[in-house]
């Protein structure tokens, strides 16, 4: 556990340039990444030639894909699904070409106010179609509890899993997103534990929703990871720092976590990685 080797991350938070992303991952001895932004384009927008180029870069730097950080399901429930489904088909093809079975997805936005039964039923209908396609192509859709989509609260995430969970549809657990929805992450974890296939490492504060390094917020990252490891979890821990606008970096007190950090995206990504490594070390001790 001291040398947990399934750490990944959204390395586009380092830089849009894929060579810079991979150089930093090499420096940090991270072997995986969750592709989202590649040289200024979303992963779902890459041409076949660009996917091939990305594969070659991965081979050059010794980097593999943990999951596709896709935008699937991050549209309004009123938007055209047929067109969006074509994007899913493309993402599935990209996932296969890049050697991963995992695709991160969402469960759609809606307008203001409470979710109606009709909207809920439309969410389920769309997800069923997507899951059926995932079954046909032997990939796994990982639902992320993103703020303001249908599956953002504990109850609605559980509803999705109770209704749809199968080999091809499981959960990404993102503690910071639950915090930003005013949810108790320990409660969320205990309820969602049977469905968790993948972890996003992101922390946040209740007081202002700001994102902070793992262990510095209200996400109970150490509690969650300790229990996951205790129960045999060997899945990915994917860094999603979101620290670009974090104002309190200089005030952190955690040994040498801030010492000699590079500037910009590399610095904040390195900080996020260091915070996670420190948690893993404490758990191992």
C-alpha atoms as a PDB file:
ATOM      1  CA  UNK A   1       0.000   0.000   0.000  1.00  0.00           C
ATOM      2  CA  UNK A   2       2.954   2.299   0.609  1.00  0.00           C
ATOM      3  CA  UNK A   3       3.741   2.082  -3.109  1.00  0.00           C
ATOM      4  CA  UNK A   4       0.236   1.928  -4.557  1.00  0.00           C
ATOM      5  CA  UNK A   5       0.792   1.925  -8.310  1.00  0.00           C
ATOM      6  CA  UNK A   6      -2.691   2.522  -9.695  1.00  0.00           C
ATOM      7  CA  UNK A   7      -2.561   6.306  -9.389  1.00  0.00           C
ATOM      8  CA  UNK A   8      -3.888   8.131 -12.442  1.00  0.00           C
ATOM      9  CA  UNK A   9      -5.152  11.615 -13.132  1.00  0.00           C
ATOM     10  CA  UNK A  10      -6.619  14.275 -15.390  1.00  0.00           C
ATOM     11  CA  UNK A  11      -3.248  15.394 -16.642  1.00  0.00           C
ATOM     12  CA  UNK A  12      -4.777  18.087 -18.850  1.00  0.00           C
ATOM     13  CA  UNK A  13      -4.789  20.120 -15.623  1.00  0.00           C
ATOM     14  CA  UNK A  14      -0.999  20.190 -15.996  1.00  0.00           C
ATOM     15  CA  UNK A  15      -1.033  21.495 -19.555  1.00  0.00           C
ATOM     16  CA  UNK A  16      -3.021  20.938 -22.761  1.00  0.00           C
ATOM     17  CA  UNK A  17       0.167  19.781 -24.517  1.00  0.00           C
ATOM     18  CA  UNK A  18       0.313  15.987 -24.266  1.00  0.00           C
ATOM     19  CA  UNK A  19       4.117  15.861 -24.229  1.00  0.00           C
ATOM     20  CA  UNK A  20       4.183  18.169 -21.206  1.00  0.00           C
ATOM     21  CA  UNK A  21       1.455  16.107 -19.526  1.00  0.00           C
ATOM     22  CA  UNK A  22       3.363  12.875 -19.996  1.00  0.00           C
ATOM     23  CA  UNK A  23       6.723  14.394 -19.018  1.00  0.00           C
ATOM     24  CA  UNK A  24       5.270  15.476 -15.663  1.00  0.00           C
ATOM     25  CA  UNK A  25       3.600  12.086 -15.130  1.00  0.00           C
ATOM     26  CA  UNK A  26       6.988  10.444 -15.777  1.00  0.00           C
ATOM     27  CA  UNK A  27       8.602  12.798 -13.273  1.00  0.00           C
ATOM     28  CA  UNK A  28       6.026  11.818 -10.649  1.00  0.00           C
ATOM     29  CA  UNK A  29       6.306   8.107 -11.581  1.00  0.00           C
ATOM     30  CA  UNK A  30       2.604   7.987 -12.457  1.00  0.00           C
ATOM     31  CA  UNK A  31       1.906   5.242 -15.001  1.00  0.00           C
ATOM     32  CA  UNK A  32      -1.679   6.084 -15.973  1.00  0.00           C
ATOM     33  CA  UNK A  33      -3.774   9.040 -17.075  1.00  0.00           C
ATOM     34  CA  UNK A  34      -7.468   9.805 -17.603  1.00  0.00           C
ATOM     35  CA  UNK A  35      -7.569  11.494 -21.006  1.00  0.00           C
ATOM     36  CA  UNK A  36      -9.929  14.448 -21.304  1.00  0.00           C
ATOM     37  CA  UNK A  37      -8.105  17.393 -22.910  1.00  0.00           C
ATOM     38  CA  UNK A  38      -5.548  16.415 -25.560  1.00  0.00           C
ATOM     39  CA  UNK A  39      -3.622  19.225 -27.270  1.00  0.00           C
ATOM     40  CA  UNK A  40      -6.571  21.575 -26.878  1.00  0.00           C
ATOM     41  CA  UNK A  41      -9.280  19.121 -27.992  1.00  0.00           C
ATOM     42  CA  UNK A  42     -11.691  17.026 -25.959  1.00  0.00           C
ATOM     43  CA  UNK A  43     -10.920  13.306 -26.110  1.00  0.00           C
ATOM     44  CA  UNK A  44     -14.269  12.733 -27.850  1.00  0.00           C
ATOM     45  CA  UNK A  45     -13.265  15.073 -30.692  1.00  0.00           C
ATOM     46  CA  UNK A  46     -10.043  13.351 -31.745  1.00  0.00           C
ATOM     47  CA  UNK A  47      -9.729  12.076 -35.287  1.00  0.00           C
ATOM     48  CA  UNK A  48      -8.476   8.546 -35.991  1.00  0.00           C
ATOM     49  CA  UNK A  49      -5.056   9.947 -36.848  1.00  0.00           C
ATOM     50  CA  UNK A  50      -4.969  11.930 -33.602  1.00  0.00           C
ATOM     51  CA  UNK A  51      -5.906   8.832 -31.604  1.00  0.00           C
ATOM     52  CA  UNK A  52      -3.084   6.940 -33.317  1.00  0.00           C
ATOM     53  CA  UNK A  53      -0.683   9.780 -32.500  1.00  0.00           C
ATOM     54  CA  UNK A  54      -1.823   9.672 -28.871  1.00  0.00           C
ATOM     55  CA  UNK A  55      -1.189   5.923 -28.754  1.00  0.00           C
ATOM     56  CA  UNK A  56       2.331   6.497 -30.041  1.00  0.00           C
ATOM     57  CA  UNK A  57       2.946   9.168 -27.392  1.00  0.00           C
ATOM     58  CA  UNK A  58       1.662   6.774 -24.716  1.00  0.00           C
ATOM     59  CA  UNK A  59       4.096   4.115 -25.871  1.00  0.00           C
ATOM     60  CA  UNK A  60       6.952   6.611 -25.972  1.00  0.00           C
ATOM     61  CA  UNK A  61       6.400   7.758 -22.392  1.00  0.00           C
ATOM     62  CA  UNK A  62       5.209   4.426 -20.967  1.00  0.00           C
ATOM     63  CA  UNK A  63       1.760   5.758 -20.018  1.00  0.00           C
ATOM     64  CA  UNK A  64      -1.511   3.788 -20.080  1.00  0.00           C
ATOM     65  CA  UNK A  65      -5.147   4.885 -19.862  1.00  0.00           C
ATOM     66  CA  UNK A  66      -7.069   4.203 -16.660  1.00  0.00           C
ATOM     67  CA  UNK A  67     -10.415   5.489 -17.968  1.00  0.00           C
ATOM     68  CA  UNK A  68     -11.679   7.813 -20.675  1.00  0.00           C
ATOM     69  CA  UNK A  69     -12.662  11.136 -19.079  1.00  0.00           C
ATOM     70  CA  UNK A  70     -15.563  11.539 -21.465  1.00  0.00           C
ATOM     71  CA  UNK A  71     -18.249  14.265 -21.567  1.00  0.00           C
ATOM     72  CA  UNK A  72     -21.015  11.719 -22.149  1.00  0.00           C
ATOM     73  CA  UNK A  73     -24.177  12.598 -20.229  1.00  0.00           C
ATOM     74  CA  UNK A  74     -23.036  16.145 -19.549  1.00  0.00           C
ATOM     75  CA  UNK A  75     -25.807  17.728 -21.591  1.00  0.00           C
ATOM     76  CA  UNK A  76     -29.332  18.844 -20.700  1.00  0.00           C
ATOM     77  CA  UNK A  77     -32.018  16.180 -20.634  1.00  0.00           C
ATOM     78  CA  UNK A  78     -33.908  18.247 -23.238  1.00  0.00           C
ATOM     79  CA  UNK A  79     -31.015  18.148 -25.721  1.00  0.00           C
ATOM     80  CA  UNK A  80     -31.007  15.721 -28.643  1.00  0.00           C
ATOM     81  CA  UNK A  81     -29.976  12.253 -27.467  1.00  0.00           C
ATOM     82  CA  UNK A  82     -29.568  10.667 -30.879  1.00  0.00           C
ATOM     83  CA  UNK A  83     -26.728  13.030 -31.722  1.00  0.00           C
ATOM     84  CA  UNK A  84     -25.176  12.572 -28.282  1.00  0.00           C
ATOM     85  CA  UNK A  85     -25.377   8.792 -28.632  1.00  0.00           C
ATOM     86  CA  UNK A  86     -23.212   9.040 -31.736  1.00  0.00           C
ATOM     87  CA  UNK A  87     -20.558  10.730 -29.565  1.00  0.00           C
ATOM     88  CA  UNK A  88     -20.767   7.785 -27.151  1.00  0.00           C
ATOM     89  CA  UNK A  89     -20.153   5.389 -30.034  1.00  0.00           C
ATOM     90  CA  UNK A  90     -17.034   7.333 -30.963  1.00  0.00           C
ATOM     91  CA  UNK A  91     -15.812   7.400 -27.364  1.00  0.00           C
ATOM     92  CA  UNK A  92     -16.280   3.638 -27.055  1.00  0.00           C
ATOM     93  CA  UNK A  93     -14.157   3.158 -30.174  1.00  0.00           C
ATOM     94  CA  UNK A  94     -11.464   5.458 -28.747  1.00  0.00           C
ATOM     95  CA  UNK A  95     -11.508   3.565 -25.439  1.00  0.00           C
ATOM     96  CA  UNK A  96     -10.862   0.297 -27.243  1.00  0.00           C
ATOM     97  CA  UNK A  97      -8.085   1.801 -29.332  1.00  0.00           C
ATOM     98  CA  UNK A  98      -6.403   3.201 -26.219  1.00  0.00           C
ATOM     99  CA  UNK A  99      -6.703  -0.054 -24.289  1.00  0.00           C
ATOM    100  CA  UNK A 100      -9.206   0.719 -21.537  1.00  0.00           C
ATOM    101  CA  UNK A 101     -12.588  -0.767 -20.651  1.00  0.00           C
ATOM    102  CA  UNK A 102     -13.620   2.217 -18.500  1.00  0.00           C
ATOM    103  CA  UNK A 103     -15.517   5.321 -19.670  1.00  0.00           C
ATOM    104  CA  UNK A 104     -16.528   8.066 -17.217  1.00  0.00           C
ATOM    105  CA  UNK A 105     -20.061   9.365 -17.839  1.00  0.00           C
ATOM    106  CA  UNK A 106     -22.723  11.621 -16.265  1.00  0.00           C
ATOM    107  CA  UNK A 107     -26.507  11.510 -15.879  1.00  0.00           C
ATOM    108  CA  UNK A 108     -27.663  14.747 -17.545  1.00  0.00           C
ATOM    109  CA  UNK A 109     -28.585  18.253 -16.425  1.00  0.00           C
ATOM    110  CA  UNK A 110     -32.073  19.745 -16.249  1.00  0.00           C
ATOM    111  CA  UNK A 111     -33.631  23.150 -15.608  1.00  0.00           C
ATOM    112  CA  UNK A 112     -34.274  24.817 -12.278  1.00  0.00           C
ATOM    113  CA  UNK A 113     -36.104  23.224  -9.350  1.00  0.00           C
ATOM    114  CA  UNK A 114     -36.704  19.628  -8.367  1.00  0.00           C
ATOM    115  CA  UNK A 115     -36.316  16.749 -10.787  1.00  0.00           C
ATOM    116  CA  UNK A 116     -39.684  15.621 -12.097  1.00  0.00           C
ATOM    117  CA  UNK A 117     -40.688  11.969 -12.476  1.00  0.00           C
ATOM    118  CA  UNK A 118     -40.737  12.465 -16.241  1.00  0.00           C
ATOM    119  CA  UNK A 119     -37.160  13.773 -16.231  1.00  0.00           C
ATOM    120  CA  UNK A 120     -36.038  10.922 -13.991  1.00  0.00           C
ATOM    121  CA  UNK A 121     -37.630   8.388 -16.334  1.00  0.00           C
ATOM    122  CA  UNK A 122     -35.899   9.997 -19.323  1.00  0.00           C
ATOM    123  CA  UNK A 123     -32.543   9.757 -17.524  1.00  0.00           C
ATOM    124  CA  UNK A 124     -33.110   6.051 -16.882  1.00  0.00           C
ATOM    125  CA  UNK A 125     -34.253   5.457 -20.459  1.00  0.00           C
ATOM    126  CA  UNK A 126     -31.145   7.104 -21.911  1.00  0.00           C
ATOM    127  CA  UNK A 127     -28.794   5.317 -19.525  1.00  0.00           C
ATOM    128  CA  UNK A 128     -30.372   1.954 -20.368  1.00  0.00           C
ATOM    129  CA  UNK A 129     -29.646   2.535 -24.045  1.00  0.00           C
ATOM    130  CA  UNK A 130     -26.074   3.515 -23.240  1.00  0.00           C
ATOM    131  CA  UNK A 131     -25.582   0.503 -20.961  1.00  0.00           C
ATOM    132  CA  UNK A 132     -26.908  -1.853 -23.635  1.00  0.00           C
ATOM    133  CA  UNK A 133     -24.359  -0.444 -26.072  1.00  0.00           C
ATOM    134  CA  UNK A 134     -21.643  -0.850 -23.427  1.00  0.00           C
ATOM    135  CA  UNK A 135     -22.633  -4.510 -23.029  1.00  0.00           C
ATOM    136  CA  UNK A 136     -22.417  -5.052 -26.785  1.00  0.00           C
ATOM    137  CA  UNK A 137     -18.917  -3.576 -26.803  1.00  0.00           C
ATOM    138  CA  UNK A 138     -17.627  -4.993 -23.502  1.00  0.00           C
ATOM    139  CA  UNK A 139     -16.876  -1.641 -21.883  1.00  0.00           C
ATOM    140  CA  UNK A 140     -17.840  -0.308 -18.450  1.00  0.00           C
ATOM    141  CA  UNK A 141     -19.607   3.019 -17.983  1.00  0.00           C
ATOM    142  CA  UNK A 142     -18.578   4.711 -14.739  1.00  0.00           C
ATOM    143  CA  UNK A 143     -21.124   7.203 -13.426  1.00  0.00           C
ATOM    144  CA  UNK A 144     -19.612  10.240 -11.698  1.00  0.00           C
ATOM    145  CA  UNK A 145     -21.620  12.081  -9.032  1.00  0.00           C
ATOM    146  CA  UNK A 146     -21.193  15.488 -10.654  1.00  0.00           C
ATOM    147  CA  UNK A 147     -22.921  18.523  -9.127  1.00  0.00           C
ATOM    148  CA  UNK A 148     -26.274  19.460 -10.719  1.00  0.00           C
ATOM    149  CA  UNK A 149     -26.733  16.308 -12.818  1.00  0.00           C
ATOM    150  CA  UNK A 150     -29.450  13.808 -11.858  1.00  0.00           C
ATOM    151  CA  UNK A 151     -27.015  11.605  -9.944  1.00  0.00           C
ATOM    152  CA  UNK A 152     -25.448  14.262  -7.728  1.00  0.00           C
ATOM    153  CA  UNK A 153     -26.948  13.455  -4.286  1.00  0.00           C
ATOM    154  CA  UNK A 154     -26.620  10.264  -2.279  1.00  0.00           C
ATOM    155  CA  UNK A 155     -30.253   9.278  -2.759  1.00  0.00           C
ATOM    156  CA  UNK A 156     -30.272   9.759  -6.517  1.00  0.00           C
ATOM    157  CA  UNK A 157     -26.898   8.027  -6.967  1.00  0.00           C
ATOM    158  CA  UNK A 158     -28.265   5.083  -5.012  1.00  0.00           C
ATOM    159  CA  UNK A 159     -31.435   5.127  -7.115  1.00  0.00           C
ATOM    160  CA  UNK A 160     -29.359   4.913 -10.295  1.00  0.00           C
ATOM    161  CA  UNK A 161     -27.293   2.040  -8.957  1.00  0.00           C
ATOM    162  CA  UNK A 162     -30.253   0.140  -7.501  1.00  0.00           C
ATOM    163  CA  UNK A 163     -32.021   0.501 -10.840  1.00  0.00           C
ATOM    164  CA  UNK A 164     -29.186  -0.023 -13.307  1.00  0.00           C
ATOM    165  CA  UNK A 165     -26.009  -1.357 -11.676  1.00  0.00           C
ATOM    166  CA  UNK A 166     -24.448  -4.256 -13.571  1.00  0.00           C
ATOM    167  CA  UNK A 167     -21.033  -5.277 -14.857  1.00  0.00           C
ATOM    168  CA  UNK A 168     -21.251  -2.529 -17.477  1.00  0.00           C
ATOM    169  CA  UNK A 169     -22.523   0.279 -15.220  1.00  0.00           C
ATOM    170  CA  UNK A 170     -20.819   1.144 -11.951  1.00  0.00           C
ATOM    171  CA  UNK A 171     -19.855   4.166  -9.881  1.00  0.00           C
ATOM    172  CA  UNK A 172     -17.022   6.644  -9.781  1.00  0.00           C
ATOM    173  CA  UNK A 173     -16.881   8.077  -6.256  1.00  0.00           C
ATOM    174  CA  UNK A 174     -15.877  11.750  -6.122  1.00  0.00           C
ATOM    175  CA  UNK A 175     -15.783  13.059  -2.519  1.00  0.00           C
ATOM    176  CA  UNK A 176     -15.449  16.738  -3.471  1.00  0.00           C
ATOM    177  CA  UNK A 177     -18.542  16.623  -5.661  1.00  0.00           C
ATOM    178  CA  UNK A 178     -20.576  15.242  -2.756  1.00  0.00           C
ATOM    179  CA  UNK A 179     -19.225  18.004  -0.500  1.00  0.00           C
ATOM    180  CA  UNK A 180     -20.241  20.630  -3.046  1.00  0.00           C
ATOM    181  CA  UNK A 181     -23.759  19.167  -2.969  1.00  0.00           C
ATOM    182  CA  UNK A 182     -23.860  19.469   0.835  1.00  0.00           C
ATOM    183  CA  UNK A 183     -23.635  15.704   1.313  1.00  0.00           C
ATOM    184  CA  UNK A 184     -21.899  13.815   4.138  1.00  0.00           C
ATOM    185  CA  UNK A 185     -19.178  11.853   2.350  1.00  0.00           C
ATOM    186  CA  UNK A 186     -18.909   9.169   5.036  1.00  0.00           C
ATOM    187  CA  UNK A 187     -22.621   8.469   4.649  1.00  0.00           C
ATOM    188  CA  UNK A 188     -22.307   8.638   0.867  1.00  0.00           C
ATOM    189  CA  UNK A 189     -19.398   6.211   0.931  1.00  0.00           C
ATOM    190  CA  UNK A 190     -21.118   3.679   3.178  1.00  0.00           C
ATOM    191  CA  UNK A 191     -24.197   3.691   0.944  1.00  0.00           C
ATOM    192  CA  UNK A 192     -22.299   3.661  -2.345  1.00  0.00           C
ATOM    193  CA  UNK A 193     -19.547   1.266  -1.283  1.00  0.00           C
ATOM    194  CA  UNK A 194     -21.026  -1.818  -3.039  1.00  0.00           C
ATOM    195  CA  UNK A 195     -21.056   0.044  -6.358  1.00  0.00           C
ATOM    196  CA  UNK A 196     -17.665   1.816  -6.335  1.00  0.00           C
ATOM    197  CA  UNK A 197     -15.404   0.740  -9.171  1.00  0.00           C
ATOM    198  CA  UNK A 198     -13.177   3.804  -9.445  1.00  0.00           C
ATOM    199  CA  UNK A 199     -12.097   6.760  -7.278  1.00  0.00           C
ATOM    200  CA  UNK A 200     -11.596  10.408  -8.150  1.00  0.00           C
ATOM    201  CA  UNK A 201      -9.204  12.035  -5.718  1.00  0.00           C
ATOM    202  CA  UNK A 202     -10.593  15.494  -5.097  1.00  0.00           C
ATOM    203  CA  UNK A 203     -11.428  17.261  -1.813  1.00  0.00           C
ATOM    204  CA  UNK A 204     -13.496  20.358  -1.005  1.00  0.00           C
ATOM    205  CA  UNK A 205     -14.747  22.557   1.830  1.00  0.00           C
ATOM    206  CA  UNK A 206     -18.376  22.877   2.915  1.00  0.00           C
ATOM    207  CA  UNK A 207     -17.908  26.535   3.828  1.00  0.00           C
ATOM    208  CA  UNK A 208     -17.450  27.819   0.271  1.00  0.00           C
ATOM    209  CA  UNK A 209     -17.323  24.751  -2.025  1.00  0.00           C
ATOM    210  CA  UNK A 210     -13.663  25.479  -2.784  1.00  0.00           C
ATOM    211  CA  UNK A 211     -11.508  22.573  -3.948  1.00  0.00           C
ATOM    212  CA  UNK A 212      -8.447  21.772  -1.827  1.00  0.00           C
ATOM    213  CA  UNK A 213      -5.776  19.050  -1.874  1.00  0.00           C
ATOM    214  CA  UNK A 214      -6.816  15.597  -0.655  1.00  0.00           C
ATOM    215  CA  UNK A 215      -7.037  15.518   3.128  1.00  0.00           C
ATOM    216  CA  UNK A 216      -7.417  19.284   3.547  1.00  0.00           C
ATOM    217  CA  UNK A 217     -11.197  19.421   3.093  1.00  0.00           C
ATOM    218  CA  UNK A 218     -14.411  17.831   4.298  1.00  0.00           C
ATOM    219  CA  UNK A 219     -14.328  14.866   1.935  1.00  0.00           C
ATOM    220  CA  UNK A 220     -13.000  12.317   4.470  1.00  0.00           C
ATOM    221  CA  UNK A 221     -10.510  11.016   1.896  1.00  0.00           C
ATOM    222  CA  UNK A 222      -8.341   9.176   4.425  1.00  0.00           C
ATOM    223  CA  UNK A 223     -11.329   7.469   6.056  1.00  0.00           C
ATOM    224  CA  UNK A 224     -12.661   6.375   2.666  1.00  0.00           C
ATOM    225  CA  UNK A 225      -9.355   5.169   1.227  1.00  0.00           C
ATOM    226  CA  UNK A 226      -8.453   3.325   4.425  1.00  0.00           C
ATOM    227  CA  UNK A 227     -11.721   1.406   4.319  1.00  0.00           C
ATOM    228  CA  UNK A 228     -11.433   0.747   0.594  1.00  0.00           C
ATOM    229  CA  UNK A 229      -7.961  -0.727   0.997  1.00  0.00           C
ATOM    230  CA  UNK A 230      -9.083  -2.708   4.050  1.00  0.00           C
ATOM    231  CA  UNK A 231     -11.766  -4.286   1.874  1.00  0.00           C
ATOM    232  CA  UNK A 232      -9.350  -5.185  -0.903  1.00  0.00           C
ATOM    233  CA  UNK A 233      -9.801  -2.272  -3.311  1.00  0.00           C
ATOM    234  CA  UNK A 234      -7.206  -2.385  -6.081  1.00  0.00           C
ATOM    235  CA  UNK A 235      -8.819   0.053  -8.513  1.00  0.00           C
ATOM    236  CA  UNK A 236      -7.556   3.370  -9.795  1.00  0.00           C
ATOM    237  CA  UNK A 237      -7.103   6.534  -7.747  1.00  0.00           C
ATOM    238  CA  UNK A 238      -7.470   9.294 -10.313  1.00  0.00           C
ATOM    239  CA  UNK A 239      -6.274  12.778  -9.405  1.00  0.00           C
ATOM    240  CA  UNK A 240      -8.615  15.567 -10.444  1.00  0.00           C
ATOM    241  CA  UNK A 241      -6.950  18.495  -8.651  1.00  0.00           C
ATOM    242  CA  UNK A 242      -9.060  21.479  -9.819  1.00  0.00           C
ATOM    243  CA  UNK A 243      -6.593  23.636  -7.864  1.00  0.00           C
ATOM    244  CA  UNK A 244      -6.010  26.309 -10.485  1.00  0.00           C
ATOM    245  CA  UNK A 245      -7.996  28.880  -8.511  1.00  0.00           C
ATOM    246  CA  UNK A 246      -7.093  27.610  -5.056  1.00  0.00           C
ATOM    247  CA  UNK A 247      -6.066  30.673  -3.023  1.00  0.00           C
ATOM    248  CA  UNK A 248      -4.685  29.098   0.124  1.00  0.00           C
ATOM    249  CA  UNK A 249      -1.683  27.156  -1.165  1.00  0.00           C
ATOM    250  CA  UNK A 250       0.841  29.142   0.840  1.00  0.00           C
ATOM    251  CA  UNK A 251      -1.085  28.507   4.062  1.00  0.00           C
ATOM    252  CA  UNK A 252      -0.995  24.724   3.925  1.00  0.00           C
ATOM    253  CA  UNK A 253       0.682  23.033   6.845  1.00  0.00           C
ATOM    254  CA  UNK A 254       1.712  19.492   6.014  1.00  0.00           C
ATOM    255  CA  UNK A 255       5.433  18.987   6.385  1.00  0.00           C
ATOM    256  CA  UNK A 256       7.228  19.798   3.153  1.00  0.00           C
ATOM    257  CA  UNK A 257       4.205  19.433   0.898  1.00  0.00           C
ATOM    258  CA  UNK A 258       4.723  22.954  -0.467  1.00  0.00           C
ATOM    259  CA  UNK A 259       8.504  22.824  -0.722  1.00  0.00           C
ATOM    260  CA  UNK A 260      10.017  23.569  -4.153  1.00  0.00           C
ATOM    261  CA  UNK A 261       6.796  23.122  -6.129  1.00  0.00           C
ATOM    262  CA  UNK A 262       6.990  23.947  -9.847  1.00  0.00           C
ATOM    263  CA  UNK A 263       4.854  26.825 -11.080  1.00  0.00           C
ATOM    264  CA  UNK A 264       1.469  26.593 -12.777  1.00  0.00           C
ATOM    265  CA  UNK A 265      -0.373  23.387 -13.588  1.00  0.00           C
ATOM    266  CA  UNK A 266       2.603  21.174 -12.900  1.00  0.00           C
ATOM    267  CA  UNK A 267       2.862  22.650  -9.413  1.00  0.00           C
ATOM    268  CA  UNK A 268      -0.773  22.187  -8.479  1.00  0.00           C
ATOM    269  CA  UNK A 269      -0.867  18.677  -9.966  1.00  0.00           C
ATOM    270  CA  UNK A 270       2.320  17.810  -8.046  1.00  0.00           C
ATOM    271  CA  UNK A 271       0.727  19.181  -4.894  1.00  0.00           C
ATOM    272  CA  UNK A 272      -2.385  17.068  -5.432  1.00  0.00           C
ATOM    273  CA  UNK A 273      -0.214  13.993  -5.980  1.00  0.00           C
ATOM    274  CA  UNK A 274       1.864  14.681  -2.867  1.00  0.00           C
ATOM    275  CA  UNK A 275      -1.271  15.053  -0.748  1.00  0.00           C
ATOM    276  CA  UNK A 276      -2.568  11.687  -1.968  1.00  0.00           C
ATOM    277  CA  UNK A 277       0.783   9.964  -1.427  1.00  0.00           C
ATOM    278  CA  UNK A 278       0.884  11.308   2.140  1.00  0.00           C
ATOM    279  CA  UNK A 279      -2.554   9.831   2.839  1.00  0.00           C
ATOM    280  CA  UNK A 280      -1.516   6.462   1.408  1.00  0.00           C
ATOM    281  CA  UNK A 281       1.633   6.508   3.559  1.00  0.00           C
ATOM    282  CA  UNK A 282      -0.354   7.271   6.715  1.00  0.00           C
ATOM    283  CA  UNK A 283      -2.745   4.436   5.933  1.00  0.00           C
ATOM    284  CA  UNK A 284       0.185   2.096   5.332  1.00  0.00           C
ATOM    285  CA  UNK A 285       1.711   2.995   8.687  1.00  0.00           C
END
